[in-house]
Structure formats: C-alpha cells, structure tokens
C-alpha atoms as a PDB file:
ATOM      1  CA  MET A   1     -74.037 128.110 119.625  1.00  0.00           C
ATOM      2  CA  ASP A   2     -75.782 131.052 118.898  1.00  0.00           C
ATOM      3  CA  LEU A   3     -79.554 130.642 117.784  1.00  0.00           C
ATOM      4  CA  SER A   4     -79.947 134.241 117.354  1.00  0.00           C
ATOM      5  CA  ARG A   5     -78.417 134.402 113.853  1.00  0.00           C
ATOM      6  CA  LYS A   6     -81.755 134.984 112.115  1.00  0.00           C
ATOM      7  CA  SER A   7     -83.038 137.520 109.241  1.00  0.00           C
ATOM      8  CA  ALA A   8     -85.056 140.332 110.623  1.00  0.00           C
ATOM      9  CA  ARG A   9     -87.838 139.023 108.419  1.00  0.00           C
ATOM     10  CA  HIS A  10     -87.614 135.518 109.827  1.00  0.00           C
ATOM     11  CA  HIS A  11     -86.500 135.695 113.457  1.00  0.00           C
ATOM     12  CA  ALA A  12     -88.167 132.899 115.165  1.00  0.00           C
ATOM     13  CA  THR A  13     -87.133 129.098 115.720  1.00  0.00           C
ATOM     14  CA  ALA A  14     -88.894 125.816 115.535  1.00  0.00           C
ATOM     15  CA  LEU A  15     -88.056 122.348 116.412  1.00  0.00           C
ATOM     16  CA  LEU A  16     -89.030 119.984 113.458  1.00  0.00           C
ATOM     17  CA  VAL A  17     -89.180 116.302 114.393  1.00  0.00           C
ATOM     18  CA  VAL A  18     -89.057 114.299 111.384  1.00  0.00           C
ATOM     19  CA  ASP A  19     -90.635 110.859 111.090  1.00  0.00           C
ATOM     20  CA  VAL A  20     -90.156 109.440 114.407  1.00  0.00           C
ATOM     21  CA  GLN A  21     -92.981 106.941 113.984  1.00  0.00           C
ATOM     22  CA  GLU A  22     -93.674 103.471 115.905  1.00  0.00           C
ATOM     23  CA  ALA A  23     -92.682 101.357 113.022  1.00  0.00           C
ATOM     24  CA  ALA A  24     -89.356 103.036 112.609  1.00  0.00           C
ATOM     25  CA  VAL A  25     -88.636 103.034 116.311  1.00  0.00           C
ATOM     26  CA  ALA A  26     -89.629  99.315 116.669  1.00  0.00           C
ATOM     27  CA  LEU A  27     -86.772  98.209 114.016  1.00  0.00           C
ATOM     28  CA  GLY A  28     -84.115  99.581 116.569  1.00  0.00           C
ATOM     29  CA  PRO A  29     -82.450 102.325 115.066  1.00  0.00           C
ATOM     30  CA  TYR A  30     -78.556 103.252 115.977  1.00  0.00           C
ATOM     31  CA  ARG A  31     -78.224 104.568 119.335  1.00  0.00           C
ATOM     32  CA  GLY A  32     -81.933 104.543 119.218  1.00  0.00           C
ATOM     33  CA  ASP A  33     -82.835 105.190 123.078  1.00  0.00           C
ATOM     34  CA  GLU A  34     -80.098 107.864 123.325  1.00  0.00           C
ATOM     35  CA  VAL A  35     -81.387 109.701 120.225  1.00  0.00           C
ATOM     36  CA  LEU A  36     -85.131 109.420 121.544  1.00  0.00           C
ATOM     37  CA  SER A  37     -84.320 110.782 125.016  1.00  0.00           C
ATOM     38  CA  ASN A  38     -82.474 113.600 123.434  1.00  0.00           C
ATOM     39  CA  ILE A  39     -85.357 114.426 121.162  1.00  0.00           C
ATOM     40  CA  ALA A  40     -87.714 114.193 124.359  1.00  0.00           C
ATOM     41  CA  ALA A  41     -85.465 116.729 125.948  1.00  0.00           C
ATOM     42  CA  LEU A  42     -85.253 119.077 123.051  1.00  0.00           C
ATOM     43  CA  ILE A  43     -89.187 119.007 122.884  1.00  0.00           C
ATOM     44  CA  GLU A  44     -89.752 119.474 126.424  1.00  0.00           C
ATOM     45  CA  ALA A  45     -86.956 122.481 126.311  1.00  0.00           C
ATOM     46  CA  CYS A  46     -88.928 123.944 123.244  1.00  0.00           C
ATOM     47  CA  ARG A  47     -92.317 123.821 124.832  1.00  0.00           C
ATOM     48  CA  THR A  48     -90.938 125.410 128.019  1.00  0.00           C
ATOM     49  CA  ALA A  49     -89.033 128.160 125.971  1.00  0.00           C
ATOM     50  CA  THR A  50     -92.257 128.691 123.971  1.00  0.00           C
ATOM     51  CA  ILE A  51     -90.482 127.518 120.951  1.00  0.00           C
ATOM     52  CA  GLU A  52     -92.716 125.985 118.456  1.00  0.00           C
ATOM     53  CA  VAL A  53     -92.639 122.204 117.827  1.00  0.00           C
ATOM     54  CA  ILE A  54     -93.479 120.854 114.378  1.00  0.00           C
ATOM     55  CA  TYR A  55     -93.882 117.134 113.763  1.00  0.00           C
ATOM     56  CA  VAL A  56     -93.524 115.548 110.253  1.00  0.00           C
ATOM     57  CA  GLN A  57     -95.166 112.159 109.677  1.00  0.00           C
ATOM     58  CA  HIS A  58     -94.460 110.071 106.593  1.00  0.00           C
ATOM     59  CA  ASP A  59     -96.961 108.026 104.835  1.00  0.00           C
ATOM     60  CA  GLY A  60     -95.270 105.189 102.991  1.00  0.00           C
ATOM     61  CA  GLY A  61     -98.598 104.083 100.996  1.00  0.00           C
ATOM     62  CA  PRO A  62    -100.586 100.987 101.061  1.00  0.00           C
ATOM     63  CA  GLY A  63     -99.077  98.095 102.732  1.00  0.00           C
ATOM     64  CA  GLU A  64     -96.108  99.749 103.990  1.00  0.00           C
ATOM     65  CA  ALA A  65     -95.167  99.804 107.670  1.00  0.00           C
ATOM     66  CA  VAL A  66     -95.913 103.522 107.854  1.00  0.00           C
ATOM     67  CA  GLU A  67     -98.876 103.464 105.944  1.00  0.00           C
ATOM     68  CA  CYS A  68    -101.518 106.239 107.004  1.00  0.00           C
ATOM     69  CA  GLY A  69    -103.667 105.433 109.592  1.00  0.00           C
ATOM     70  CA  THR A  70    -101.723 102.106 110.861  1.00  0.00           C
ATOM     71  CA  SER A  71    -100.128 101.680 114.105  1.00  0.00           C
ATOM     72  CA  GLY A  72     -96.669 101.956 112.555  1.00  0.00           C
ATOM     73  CA  TRP A  73     -97.577 105.244 111.170  1.00  0.00           C
ATOM     74  CA  GLU A  74     -98.445 106.748 114.460  1.00  0.00           C
ATOM     75  CA  ILE A  75     -95.751 109.168 115.941  1.00  0.00           C
ATOM     76  CA  HIS A  76     -93.951 107.507 118.535  1.00  0.00           C
ATOM     77  CA  HIS A  77     -95.881 107.526 121.966  1.00  0.00           C
ATOM     78  CA  PRO A  78     -93.473 109.063 124.510  1.00  0.00           C
ATOM     79  CA  ILE A  79     -92.744 112.343 122.103  1.00  0.00           C
ATOM     80  CA  ARG A  80     -96.567 112.663 120.520  1.00  0.00           C
ATOM     81  CA  PRO A  81     -97.697 116.231 119.868  1.00  0.00           C
ATOM     82  CA  VAL A  82     -99.854 117.827 122.640  1.00  0.00           C
ATOM     83  CA  SER A  83    -103.047 119.765 121.519  1.00  0.00           C
ATOM     84  CA  GLY A  84    -102.241 122.804 119.238  1.00  0.00           C
ATOM     85  CA  GLU A  85     -98.847 121.459 117.876  1.00  0.00           C
ATOM     86  CA  LYS A  86     -98.563 121.243 114.067  1.00  0.00           C
ATOM     87  CA  VAL A  87     -98.358 117.709 112.346  1.00  0.00           C
ATOM     88  CA  VAL A  88     -97.387 117.917 108.605  1.00  0.00           C
ATOM     89  CA  HIS A  89     -98.162 114.831 106.541  1.00  0.00           C
ATOM     90  CA  LYS A  90     -95.595 113.924 103.733  1.00  0.00           C
ATOM     91  CA  ARG A  91     -95.332 111.239 100.981  1.00  0.00           C
ATOM     92  CA  PHE A  92     -91.653 112.296 100.109  1.00  0.00           C
ATOM     93  CA  ASN A  93     -88.501 112.404 101.686  1.00  0.00           C
ATOM     94  CA  SER A  94     -88.707 116.028 101.755  1.00  0.00           C
ATOM     95  CA  ALA A  95     -90.931 117.436 104.237  1.00  0.00           C
ATOM     96  CA  PHE A  96     -91.368 120.441 102.082  1.00  0.00           C
ATOM     97  CA  ARG A  97     -92.479 118.562  98.948  1.00  0.00           C
ATOM     98  CA  GLU A  98     -96.389 118.979  98.212  1.00  0.00           C
ATOM     99  CA  THR A  99     -96.886 120.045 101.997  1.00  0.00           C
ATOM    100  CA  GLU A 100     -97.704 123.229 103.595  1.00  0.00           C
ATOM    101  CA  LEU A 101     -94.685 123.413 105.744  1.00  0.00           C
ATOM    102  CA  LYS A 102     -92.982 126.300 103.939  1.00  0.00           C
ATOM    103  CA  ALA A 103     -95.946 128.541 103.939  1.00  0.00           C
ATOM    104  CA  TYR A 104     -96.532 127.386 107.395  1.00  0.00           C
ATOM    105  CA  LEU A 105     -92.917 128.263 108.582  1.00  0.00           C
ATOM    106  CA  ASP A 106     -92.888 131.631 106.616  1.00  0.00           C
ATOM    107  CA  ALA A 107     -96.263 132.722 108.050  1.00  0.00           C
ATOM    108  CA  ARG A 108     -94.898 132.458 111.360  1.00  0.00           C
ATOM    109  CA  GLY A 109     -91.572 134.072 110.756  1.00  0.00           C
ATOM    110  CA  ILE A 110     -89.619 131.112 111.486  1.00  0.00           C
ATOM    111  CA  GLY A 111     -86.069 131.358 110.067  1.00  0.00           C
ATOM    112  CA  THR A 112     -84.017 128.746 112.140  1.00  0.00           C
ATOM    113  CA  LEU A 113     -84.986 124.987 112.341  1.00  0.00           C
ATOM    114  CA  ILE A 114     -83.778 122.483 114.886  1.00  0.00           C
ATOM    115  CA  LEU A 115     -83.796 119.379 112.712  1.00  0.00           C
ATOM    116  CA  VAL A 116     -84.302 115.835 114.220  1.00  0.00           C
ATOM    117  CA  GLY A 117     -85.443 112.252 113.303  1.00  0.00           C
ATOM    118  CA  ILE A 118     -85.337 109.363 111.403  1.00  0.00           C
ATOM    119  CA  GLN A 119     -83.758 108.384 108.938  1.00  0.00           C
ATOM    120  CA  THR A 120     -80.270 110.324 108.713  1.00  0.00           C
ATOM    121  CA  GLU A 121     -79.708 109.564 105.034  1.00  0.00           C
ATOM    122  CA  TYR A 122     -83.055 109.821 103.618  1.00  0.00           C
ATOM    123  CA  CYS A 123     -85.882 111.985 105.131  1.00  0.00           C
ATOM    124  CA  VAL A 124     -83.578 113.940 107.493  1.00  0.00           C
ATOM    125  CA  ASP A 125     -80.989 114.540 104.839  1.00  0.00           C
ATOM    126  CA  THR A 126     -83.577 115.568 102.269  1.00  0.00           C
ATOM    127  CA  THR A 127     -85.454 117.868 104.483  1.00  0.00           C
ATOM    128  CA  CYS A 128     -81.949 119.506 105.605  1.00  0.00           C
ATOM    129  CA  ARG A 129     -80.921 120.381 102.083  1.00  0.00           C
ATOM    130  CA  VAL A 130     -84.061 121.589 100.817  1.00  0.00           C
ATOM    131  CA  ALA A 131     -84.577 123.869 104.026  1.00  0.00           C
ATOM    132  CA  PHE A 132     -80.886 125.079 103.281  1.00  0.00           C
ATOM    133  CA  GLU A 133     -81.942 125.906  99.655  1.00  0.00           C
ATOM    134  CA  TYR A 134     -84.815 127.798 100.973  1.00  0.00           C
ATOM    135  CA  GLY A 135     -82.574 130.054 103.322  1.00  0.00           C
ATOM    136  CA  TYR A 136     -83.512 128.394 106.824  1.00  0.00           C
ATOM    137  CA  SER A 137     -80.479 128.219 109.475  1.00  0.00           C
ATOM    138  CA  ILE A 138     -80.510 124.766 110.269  1.00  0.00           C
ATOM    139  CA  VAL A 139     -79.229 123.299 114.026  1.00  0.00           C
ATOM    140  CA  MET A 140     -78.941 119.602 114.237  1.00  0.00           C
ATOM    141  CA  PRO A 141     -77.862 118.657 117.542  1.00  0.00           C
ATOM    142  CA  GLU A 142     -75.477 115.676 118.023  1.00  0.00           C
ATOM    143  CA  LEU A 143     -77.554 112.366 118.491  1.00  0.00           C
ATOM    144  CA  THR A 144     -80.828 113.607 117.432  1.00  0.00           C
ATOM    145  CA  ASN A 145     -80.938 111.731 114.314  1.00  0.00           C
ATOM    146  CA  THR A 146     -80.634 108.148 113.635  1.00  0.00           C
ATOM    147  CA  THR A 147     -80.696 105.347 110.782  1.00  0.00           C
ATOM    148  CA  PHE A 148     -80.215 101.790 110.165  1.00  0.00           C
ATOM    149  CA  ASP A 149     -77.636  99.711 108.555  1.00  0.00           C
ATOM    150  CA  ASN A 150     -77.647 100.110 104.845  1.00  0.00           C
ATOM    151  CA  GLY A 151     -76.074  97.899 102.385  1.00  0.00           C
ATOM    152  CA  ASP A 152     -72.282  97.999 102.918  1.00  0.00           C
ATOM    153  CA  LEU A 153     -72.499 100.751 105.462  1.00  0.00           C
ATOM    154  CA  SER A 154     -73.326 100.310 109.140  1.00  0.00           C
ATOM    155  CA  ALA A 155     -75.830 102.679 110.585  1.00  0.00           C
ATOM    156  CA  ARG A 156     -72.959 104.219 112.818  1.00  0.00           C
ATOM    157  CA  GLN A 157     -71.009 104.824 109.545  1.00  0.00           C
ATOM    158  CA  ILE A 158     -73.808 106.559 107.904  1.00  0.00           C
ATOM    159  CA  TYR A 159     -74.546 108.528 111.174  1.00  0.00           C
ATOM    160  CA  GLU A 160     -71.010 109.826 111.497  1.00  0.00           C
ATOM    161  CA  LEU A 161     -70.497 110.595 107.662  1.00  0.00           C
ATOM    162  CA  TYR A 162     -73.488 112.686 107.639  1.00  0.00           C
ATOM    163  CA  ASN A 163     -73.517 114.463 110.680  1.00  0.00           C
ATOM    164  CA  SER A 164     -69.687 115.164 110.724  1.00  0.00           C
ATOM    165  CA  ARG A 165     -68.820 115.476 107.141  1.00  0.00           C
ATOM    166  CA  ILE A 166     -72.066 116.386 105.220  1.00  0.00           C
ATOM    167  CA  PHE A 167     -74.218 118.246 107.583  1.00  0.00           C
ATOM    168  CA  ALA A 168     -71.626 119.990 109.884  1.00  0.00           C
ATOM    169  CA  GLY A 169     -70.354 123.531 108.398  1.00  0.00           C
ATOM    170  CA  ARG A 170     -72.173 122.938 104.891  1.00  0.00           C
ATOM    171  CA  PHE A 171     -75.851 122.574 105.657  1.00  0.00           C
ATOM    172  CA  ALA A 172     -76.265 123.084 109.304  1.00  0.00           C
ATOM    173  CA  THR A 173     -74.400 123.485 112.719  1.00  0.00           C
ATOM    174  CA  VAL A 174     -74.209 120.089 114.500  1.00  0.00           C
ATOM    175  CA  PRO A 175     -73.772 121.248 118.321  1.00  0.00           C
ATOM    176  CA  SER A 176     -73.748 119.104 121.244  1.00  0.00           C
ATOM    177  CA  MET A 177     -76.996 118.327 123.098  1.00  0.00           C
ATOM    178  CA  ALA A 178     -75.601 120.334 126.070  1.00  0.00           C
ATOM    179  CA  ALA A 179     -74.813 123.412 123.930  1.00  0.00           C
ATOM    180  CA  THR A 180     -78.220 123.383 122.263  1.00  0.00           C
ATOM    181  CA  LEU A 181     -80.158 122.717 125.691  1.00  0.00           C
ATOM    182  CA  GLU A 182     -78.028 125.785 127.145  1.00  0.00           C
ATOM    183  CA  SER A 183     -79.154 127.956 124.286  1.00  0.00           C
ATOM    184  CA  PHE A 184     -82.655 127.560 125.416  1.00  0.00           C
ATOM    185  CA  VAL A 185     -81.972 128.462 128.909  1.00  0.00           C
ATOM    186  CA  ALA A 186     -79.930 131.488 127.768  1.00  0.00           C
ATOM    187  CA  GLY A 187     -82.982 132.585 126.223  1.00  0.00           C
ATOM    188  CA  ALA A 188     -82.811 131.578 122.643  1.00  0.00           C
END
C-alpha cells in the first residue's frame, strides 16, 4: 500500500476517526473489540509518525443516545483525543456537511484520509463518498469500521458488502491492518 500517492498541493495524511462514541460502543458492534483495538493501534501509529488524528463526534439531537453533552456522546474512553487533537462536531451523516472539516483539511494540505469508525453504512459511508467527491484519497484498513444488524442484513453482511464491494476499488483502498501499519514504519 502506498500512502504517498498525493497531489503536490495536498501531500499530508490524516487519520479521521468517525463517531466512535460511548453509546455506539455500548451497543456491541460487529467485531467491536477487534475494530476498537485496530483503531487504537492506528491512533498510536499516527501519533508516533506525527500524522494528524482528527475525531468526528455526532450529535443526534435531544433525547438521542448521542445527544451533545451526554455520556453516550463522549468519544470512547480508550481512544479519546489528546490535547491539541482536532474534534469536529456534526449533526448529519457526513462529517463535511455544515462543519469546518474540509477547510481544516485543506488549510493543512491534507490529501489522504485514513478513515475509520462507526457506523459502516451510515456515517462512515457518507463521509467516505463525500471525501471522494472532494478529491481526497481514502484508505480504509480492514476491520477499522463496524456496524450493527440492520433489518434483514446482519452486521457481518453489511461490513463485508461495503468493505469488499462498495469501498474497495471504487471510493477507497482497503488494505490489511498489517500493510497499513507497515506503511507508517516505512515513513508514510
């Protein structure tokens, strides 16, 4: 995997952690422990490699499990941002709609996003597609996004459909965790 495929103007990479909030984690998403462990490993690798880590935090509105200011709205404790890391607050599936995210990324010359988070078919998918439309290169390492059963589809089916047939080769690259972490060691 080559994270160096960036335009001259937008050469930097950032890790975008979408909606990994206490209420969502408490619901027990598909392969949740493994996904959270992988996200934590990516965060640590990015911090070590001085790749910016940006968090996205969803506000579901009054009465929702992820209502702004509630315990469920908080970013999951083991992966919370450290001082100086950017947190973007959103109200829609897209991390870009009515937020400062695009301006923030562009001001820092970020052209590649390592995209991880919850919920695969909603906020992760929408953020991925909007980022693609804006021209960002998107990397979505295996088992770094997750979801829940949804109607007739199991969480596993949704995860596999999106990661192997929708994201991969269309909107993003979907490398293994090992390949992604290796790219940091190689100086990504």
